[in-house]
Amino acid sequence: MTNLKKIVSLGLIVLTVGATSLTAYAASTYNTPAEAVAGLTGKTVESVIAERSETGKTYGTIANEAGKLTEYKAEILEIKKDTLTERVAAGTLTQERADEIIKAIEENQATCDGTG
């Protein structure tokens, strides 16, 4: 029975390391919504921030006008998932609550037109 426990424990460790590696691989290449819009539209972060400040447009509107709203929403979801994963790892958020938040974001994005 002791050997079975060791095998199961080793299997769980391997599974955990594998899942962590996949999470790190899937992480977003952007850290902020401004970076995401800039990267998707070919603009600089500074110009995107200036456009938002000067016109009052949301980052979603800027992405939508460039024909990149779908990609923008996907990147924002990844940024949020990264943040939640960090909070779960730090122990400040439960995985169950993180899953609830992700589900709510996905539901909101289904009807999002980029206008905020």
N, C-alpha and C. Protein backbone atom coordinates (compact mmCIF):
# COMPACT_ATOMS: atom_id res chain seq x y z
N MET A 1 0.81 -1.19 0.00
CA MET A 1 0.00 0.00 0.00
C MET A 1 0.86 1.26 0.00
N THR A 2 2.00 1.21 0.67
CA THR A 2 2.88 2.36 0.74
C THR A 2 3.42 2.70 -0.64
N ASN A 3 3.76 1.69 -1.44
CA ASN A 3 4.25 1.94 -2.79
C ASN A 3 3.18 2.60 -3.65
N LEU A 4 1.95 2.21 -3.49
CA LEU A 4 0.85 2.80 -4.24
C LEU A 4 0.71 4.29 -3.90
N LYS A 5 0.85 4.64 -2.63
CA LYS A 5 0.78 6.03 -2.21
C LYS A 5 1.92 6.84 -2.83
N LYS A 6 3.10 6.25 -2.89
CA LYS A 6 4.24 6.94 -3.49
C LYS A 6 4.00 7.17 -4.98
N ILE A 7 3.47 6.18 -5.66
CA ILE A 7 3.21 6.30 -7.09
C ILE A 7 2.16 7.37 -7.35
N VAL A 8 1.10 7.36 -6.56
CA VAL A 8 0.04 8.35 -6.71
C VAL A 8 0.58 9.75 -6.42
N SER A 9 1.38 9.89 -5.37
CA SER A 9 1.97 11.18 -5.03
C SER A 9 2.87 11.68 -6.15
N LEU A 10 3.70 10.80 -6.68
CA LEU A 10 4.59 11.18 -7.77
C LEU A 10 3.78 11.59 -9.00
N GLY A 11 2.73 10.85 -9.28
CA GLY A 11 1.86 11.19 -10.42
C GLY A 11 1.23 12.56 -10.26
N LEU A 12 0.78 12.88 -9.05
CA LEU A 12 0.19 14.19 -8.79
C LEU A 12 1.22 15.31 -8.93
N ILE A 13 2.42 15.05 -8.50
CA ILE A 13 3.47 16.06 -8.65
C ILE A 13 3.76 16.31 -10.12
N VAL A 14 3.88 15.26 -10.90
CA VAL A 14 4.14 15.40 -12.33
C VAL A 14 2.99 16.14 -13.01
N LEU A 15 1.78 15.81 -12.64
CA LEU A 15 0.60 16.47 -13.20
C LEU A 15 0.59 17.95 -12.85
N THR A 16 0.91 18.29 -11.62
CA THR A 16 0.95 19.69 -11.19
C THR A 16 2.01 20.47 -11.95
N VAL A 17 3.19 19.91 -12.08
CA VAL A 17 4.26 20.59 -12.82
C VAL A 17 3.86 20.77 -14.28
N GLY A 18 3.25 19.76 -14.87
CA GLY A 18 2.80 19.86 -16.26
C GLY A 18 1.73 20.92 -16.44
N ALA A 19 0.78 20.98 -15.54
CA ALA A 19 -0.29 21.98 -15.62
C ALA A 19 0.27 23.38 -15.45
N THR A 20 1.22 23.54 -14.54
CA THR A 20 1.84 24.84 -14.32
C THR A 20 2.60 25.29 -15.57
N SER A 21 3.27 24.37 -16.21
CA SER A 21 4.01 24.69 -17.43
C SER A 21 3.07 25.14 -18.53
N LEU A 22 1.94 24.46 -18.68
CA LEU A 22 0.97 24.84 -19.70
C LEU A 22 0.38 26.21 -19.41
N THR A 23 0.13 26.51 -18.15
CA THR A 23 -0.40 27.81 -17.79
C THR A 23 0.59 28.91 -18.14
N ALA A 24 1.84 28.69 -17.85
CA ALA A 24 2.87 29.68 -18.17
C ALA A 24 2.99 29.85 -19.68
N TYR A 25 2.85 28.78 -20.42
CA TYR A 25 2.95 28.85 -21.88
C TYR A 25 1.78 29.64 -22.47
N ALA A 26 0.61 29.49 -21.90
CA ALA A 26 -0.58 30.14 -22.43
C ALA A 26 -0.69 31.61 -22.00
N ALA A 27 0.21 32.05 -21.18
CA ALA A 27 0.13 33.41 -20.66
C ALA A 27 0.16 34.45 -21.77
N SER A 28 -0.52 35.53 -21.52
CA SER A 28 -0.60 36.62 -22.49
C SER A 28 0.76 37.28 -22.69
N THR A 29 0.95 37.82 -23.88
CA THR A 29 2.19 38.53 -24.16
C THR A 29 2.06 40.00 -23.76
N TYR A 30 0.88 40.42 -23.35
CA TYR A 30 0.63 41.80 -22.95
C TYR A 30 0.31 41.86 -21.46
N ASN A 31 0.64 42.98 -20.84
CA ASN A 31 0.36 43.13 -19.41
C ASN A 31 -0.79 44.08 -19.12
N THR A 32 -1.12 44.94 -20.08
CA THR A 32 -2.18 45.92 -19.87
C THR A 32 -3.06 45.99 -21.11
N PRO A 33 -4.28 46.53 -20.96
CA PRO A 33 -5.14 46.71 -22.12
C PRO A 33 -4.50 47.63 -23.17
N ALA A 34 -3.79 48.65 -22.74
CA ALA A 34 -3.13 49.56 -23.68
C ALA A 34 -2.08 48.82 -24.51
N GLU A 35 -1.31 47.95 -23.86
CA GLU A 35 -0.32 47.15 -24.58
C GLU A 35 -0.99 46.23 -25.59
N ALA A 36 -2.12 45.64 -25.20
CA ALA A 36 -2.83 44.74 -26.09
C ALA A 36 -3.32 45.47 -27.34
N VAL A 37 -3.95 46.63 -27.15
CA VAL A 37 -4.44 47.41 -28.30
C VAL A 37 -3.27 47.82 -29.19
N ALA A 38 -2.21 48.30 -28.58
CA ALA A 38 -1.04 48.73 -29.35
C ALA A 38 -0.47 47.57 -30.16
N GLY A 39 -0.30 46.44 -29.53
CA GLY A 39 0.26 45.29 -30.22
C GLY A 39 -0.62 44.78 -31.35
N LEU A 40 -1.92 44.82 -31.14
CA LEU A 40 -2.84 44.32 -32.16
C LEU A 40 -3.03 45.29 -33.32
N THR A 41 -2.90 46.58 -33.04
CA THR A 41 -3.17 47.58 -34.08
C THR A 41 -1.90 48.11 -34.74
N GLY A 42 -0.76 47.78 -34.18
CA GLY A 42 0.50 48.28 -34.74
C GLY A 42 0.85 49.69 -34.29
N LYS A 43 0.09 50.21 -33.32
CA LYS A 43 0.36 51.54 -32.78
C LYS A 43 1.30 51.41 -31.59
N THR A 44 1.82 52.54 -31.13
CA THR A 44 2.62 52.52 -29.91
C THR A 44 1.69 52.61 -28.71
N VAL A 45 2.18 52.14 -27.58
CA VAL A 45 1.40 52.22 -26.34
C VAL A 45 1.09 53.68 -26.02
N GLU A 46 2.07 54.53 -26.22
CA GLU A 46 1.88 55.95 -25.92
C GLU A 46 0.78 56.57 -26.78
N SER A 47 0.75 56.21 -28.08
CA SER A 47 -0.27 56.78 -28.96
C SER A 47 -1.66 56.27 -28.61
N VAL A 48 -1.74 55.01 -28.18
CA VAL A 48 -3.04 54.45 -27.78
C VAL A 48 -3.54 55.13 -26.51
N ILE A 49 -2.65 55.31 -25.56
CA ILE A 49 -3.04 56.00 -24.32
C ILE A 49 -3.45 57.44 -24.62
N ALA A 50 -2.70 58.11 -25.48
CA ALA A 50 -3.04 59.49 -25.85
C ALA A 50 -4.39 59.55 -26.55
N GLU A 51 -4.64 58.62 -27.47
CA GLU A 51 -5.93 58.60 -28.17
C GLU A 51 -7.07 58.41 -27.19
N ARG A 52 -6.91 57.51 -26.25
CA ARG A 52 -7.95 57.27 -25.25
C ARG A 52 -8.18 58.52 -24.41
N SER A 53 -7.11 59.15 -24.01
CA SER A 53 -7.20 60.35 -23.18
C SER A 53 -7.83 61.52 -23.93
N GLU A 54 -7.43 61.72 -25.17
CA GLU A 54 -7.90 62.86 -25.95
C GLU A 54 -9.33 62.70 -26.47
N THR A 55 -9.72 61.47 -26.81
CA THR A 55 -11.03 61.26 -27.43
C THR A 55 -12.06 60.67 -26.47
N GLY A 56 -11.61 60.08 -25.37
CA GLY A 56 -12.53 59.43 -24.45
C GLY A 56 -12.95 58.04 -24.91
N LYS A 57 -12.37 57.56 -26.01
CA LYS A 57 -12.69 56.22 -26.51
C LYS A 57 -12.15 55.17 -25.55
N THR A 58 -12.85 54.05 -25.47
CA THR A 58 -12.33 52.94 -24.69
C THR A 58 -11.28 52.21 -25.52
N TYR A 59 -10.48 51.40 -24.85
CA TYR A 59 -9.51 50.59 -25.59
C TYR A 59 -10.24 49.63 -26.53
N GLY A 60 -11.40 49.15 -26.10
CA GLY A 60 -12.19 48.27 -26.95
C GLY A 60 -12.66 48.97 -28.21
N THR A 61 -13.06 50.23 -28.10
CA THR A 61 -13.48 51.00 -29.28
C THR A 61 -12.31 51.19 -30.23
N ILE A 62 -11.15 51.49 -29.68
CA ILE A 62 -9.97 51.66 -30.53
C ILE A 62 -9.65 50.36 -31.26
N ALA A 63 -9.72 49.25 -30.55
CA ALA A 63 -9.48 47.94 -31.18
C ALA A 63 -10.55 47.64 -32.22
N ASN A 64 -11.81 47.95 -31.91
CA ASN A 64 -12.91 47.70 -32.83
C ASN A 64 -12.74 48.50 -34.11
N GLU A 65 -12.36 49.76 -33.99
CA GLU A 65 -12.16 50.61 -35.16
C GLU A 65 -11.04 50.08 -36.06
N ALA A 66 -10.11 49.36 -35.46
CA ALA A 66 -9.01 48.77 -36.23
C ALA A 66 -9.36 47.36 -36.72
N GLY A 67 -10.59 46.91 -36.42
CA GLY A 67 -11.01 45.58 -36.84
C GLY A 67 -10.38 44.46 -36.02
N LYS A 68 -10.02 44.77 -34.79
CA LYS A 68 -9.33 43.80 -33.94
C LYS A 68 -10.05 43.53 -32.62
N LEU A 69 -11.36 43.76 -32.57
CA LEU A 69 -12.08 43.60 -31.31
C LEU A 69 -12.04 42.17 -30.79
N THR A 70 -12.24 41.20 -31.66
CA THR A 70 -12.23 39.79 -31.23
C THR A 70 -10.88 39.43 -30.63
N GLU A 71 -9.80 39.82 -31.30
CA GLU A 71 -8.47 39.53 -30.80
C GLU A 71 -8.20 40.26 -29.48
N TYR A 72 -8.68 41.50 -29.40
CA TYR A 72 -8.52 42.29 -28.18
C TYR A 72 -9.22 41.62 -27.00
N LYS A 73 -10.45 41.18 -27.21
CA LYS A 73 -11.18 40.52 -26.13
C LYS A 73 -10.46 39.26 -25.67
N ALA A 74 -9.89 38.51 -26.61
CA ALA A 74 -9.14 37.30 -26.25
C ALA A 74 -7.91 37.65 -25.42
N GLU A 75 -7.22 38.71 -25.81
CA GLU A 75 -6.03 39.13 -25.05
C GLU A 75 -6.40 39.62 -23.66
N ILE A 76 -7.49 40.38 -23.56
CA ILE A 76 -7.92 40.87 -22.25
C ILE A 76 -8.26 39.69 -21.34
N LEU A 77 -8.92 38.69 -21.88
CA LEU A 77 -9.25 37.50 -21.10
C LEU A 77 -7.98 36.83 -20.59
N GLU A 78 -6.97 36.72 -21.42
CA GLU A 78 -5.71 36.12 -21.00
C GLU A 78 -5.02 36.96 -19.93
N ILE A 79 -5.05 38.28 -20.07
CA ILE A 79 -4.46 39.15 -19.04
C ILE A 79 -5.17 38.93 -17.71
N LYS A 80 -6.49 38.87 -17.75
CA LYS A 80 -7.27 38.66 -16.52
C LYS A 80 -6.98 37.29 -15.92
N LYS A 81 -6.89 36.26 -16.77
CA LYS A 81 -6.58 34.92 -16.28
C LYS A 81 -5.21 34.89 -15.62
N ASP A 82 -4.24 35.56 -16.22
CA ASP A 82 -2.89 35.61 -15.64
C ASP A 82 -2.93 36.24 -14.25
N THR A 83 -3.66 37.33 -14.12
CA THR A 83 -3.78 38.03 -12.84
C THR A 83 -4.44 37.13 -11.80
N LEU A 84 -5.50 36.46 -12.20
CA LEU A 84 -6.20 35.58 -11.27
C LEU A 84 -5.34 34.39 -10.87
N THR A 85 -4.58 33.85 -11.81
CA THR A 85 -3.69 32.74 -11.52
C THR A 85 -2.64 33.15 -10.48
N GLU A 86 -2.11 34.35 -10.63
CA GLU A 86 -1.15 34.87 -9.66
C GLU A 86 -1.78 35.02 -8.28
N ARG A 87 -3.01 35.51 -8.24
CA ARG A 87 -3.68 35.70 -6.96
C ARG A 87 -4.00 34.37 -6.28
N VAL A 88 -4.37 33.36 -7.08
CA VAL A 88 -4.61 32.03 -6.52
C VAL A 88 -3.30 31.47 -5.96
N ALA A 89 -2.22 31.60 -6.72
CA ALA A 89 -0.92 31.10 -6.27
C ALA A 89 -0.45 31.80 -5.00
N ALA A 90 -0.78 33.08 -4.87
CA ALA A 90 -0.39 33.85 -3.69
C ALA A 90 -1.29 33.55 -2.49
N GLY A 91 -2.40 32.88 -2.73
CA GLY A 91 -3.31 32.53 -1.64
C GLY A 91 -4.30 33.62 -1.29
N THR A 92 -4.41 34.65 -2.13
CA THR A 92 -5.35 35.73 -1.83
C THR A 92 -6.70 35.53 -2.50
N LEU A 93 -6.83 34.45 -3.28
CA LEU A 93 -8.07 34.15 -3.98
C LEU A 93 -8.18 32.65 -4.12
N THR A 94 -9.38 32.13 -3.97
CA THR A 94 -9.56 30.69 -4.16
C THR A 94 -9.72 30.38 -5.65
N GLN A 95 -9.40 29.16 -6.03
CA GLN A 95 -9.56 28.76 -7.42
C GLN A 95 -11.03 28.80 -7.82
N GLU A 96 -11.91 28.47 -6.89
CA GLU A 96 -13.34 28.49 -7.19
C GLU A 96 -13.80 29.91 -7.53
N ARG A 97 -13.34 30.88 -6.75
CA ARG A 97 -13.72 32.28 -7.02
C ARG A 97 -13.11 32.76 -8.33
N ALA A 98 -11.87 32.36 -8.59
CA ALA A 98 -11.22 32.73 -9.86
C ALA A 98 -12.01 32.17 -11.03
N ASP A 99 -12.48 30.94 -10.92
CA ASP A 99 -13.29 30.33 -11.98
C ASP A 99 -14.59 31.09 -12.19
N GLU A 100 -15.20 31.54 -11.10
CA GLU A 100 -16.44 32.32 -11.20
C GLU A 100 -16.18 33.65 -11.93
N ILE A 101 -15.08 34.29 -11.61
CA ILE A 101 -14.74 35.56 -12.24
C ILE A 101 -14.49 35.37 -13.73
N ILE A 102 -13.75 34.33 -14.09
CA ILE A 102 -13.47 34.05 -15.50
C ILE A 102 -14.77 33.78 -16.25
N LYS A 103 -15.66 33.03 -15.65
CA LYS A 103 -16.95 32.74 -16.29
C LYS A 103 -17.73 34.04 -16.52
N ALA A 104 -17.73 34.92 -15.53
CA ALA A 104 -18.44 36.20 -15.66
C ALA A 104 -17.83 37.06 -16.77
N ILE A 105 -16.50 37.08 -16.85
CA ILE A 105 -15.84 37.84 -17.90
C ILE A 105 -16.22 37.30 -19.28
N GLU A 106 -16.19 35.98 -19.41
CA GLU A 106 -16.55 35.36 -20.69
C GLU A 106 -17.99 35.69 -21.08
N GLU A 107 -18.90 35.66 -20.11
CA GLU A 107 -20.30 36.00 -20.39
C GLU A 107 -20.44 37.46 -20.81
N ASN A 108 -19.72 38.35 -20.14
CA ASN A 108 -19.78 39.77 -20.49
C ASN A 108 -19.17 40.02 -21.87
N GLN A 109 -18.10 39.34 -22.19
CA GLN A 109 -17.46 39.53 -23.48
C GLN A 109 -18.33 39.05 -24.64
N ALA A 110 -19.22 38.12 -24.37
CA ALA A 110 -20.09 37.62 -25.43
C ALA A 110 -20.98 38.72 -26.01
N THR A 111 -21.32 39.71 -25.20
CA THR A 111 -22.17 40.81 -25.68
C THR A 111 -21.41 42.13 -25.80
N CYS A 112 -20.11 42.10 -25.61
CA CYS A 112 -19.30 43.32 -25.64
C CYS A 112 -19.12 43.81 -27.08
N ASP A 113 -19.38 45.12 -27.28
CA ASP A 113 -19.17 45.71 -28.62
C ASP A 113 -17.99 46.69 -28.60
N GLY A 114 -17.26 46.72 -27.47
CA GLY A 114 -16.08 47.55 -27.39
C GLY A 114 -16.33 48.95 -26.87
N THR A 115 -17.56 49.29 -26.57
CA THR A 115 -17.87 50.66 -26.15
C THR A 115 -17.80 50.84 -24.64
N GLY A 116 -17.55 49.75 -23.93
CA GLY A 116 -17.46 49.86 -22.45
C GLY A 116 -18.77 49.59 -21.89
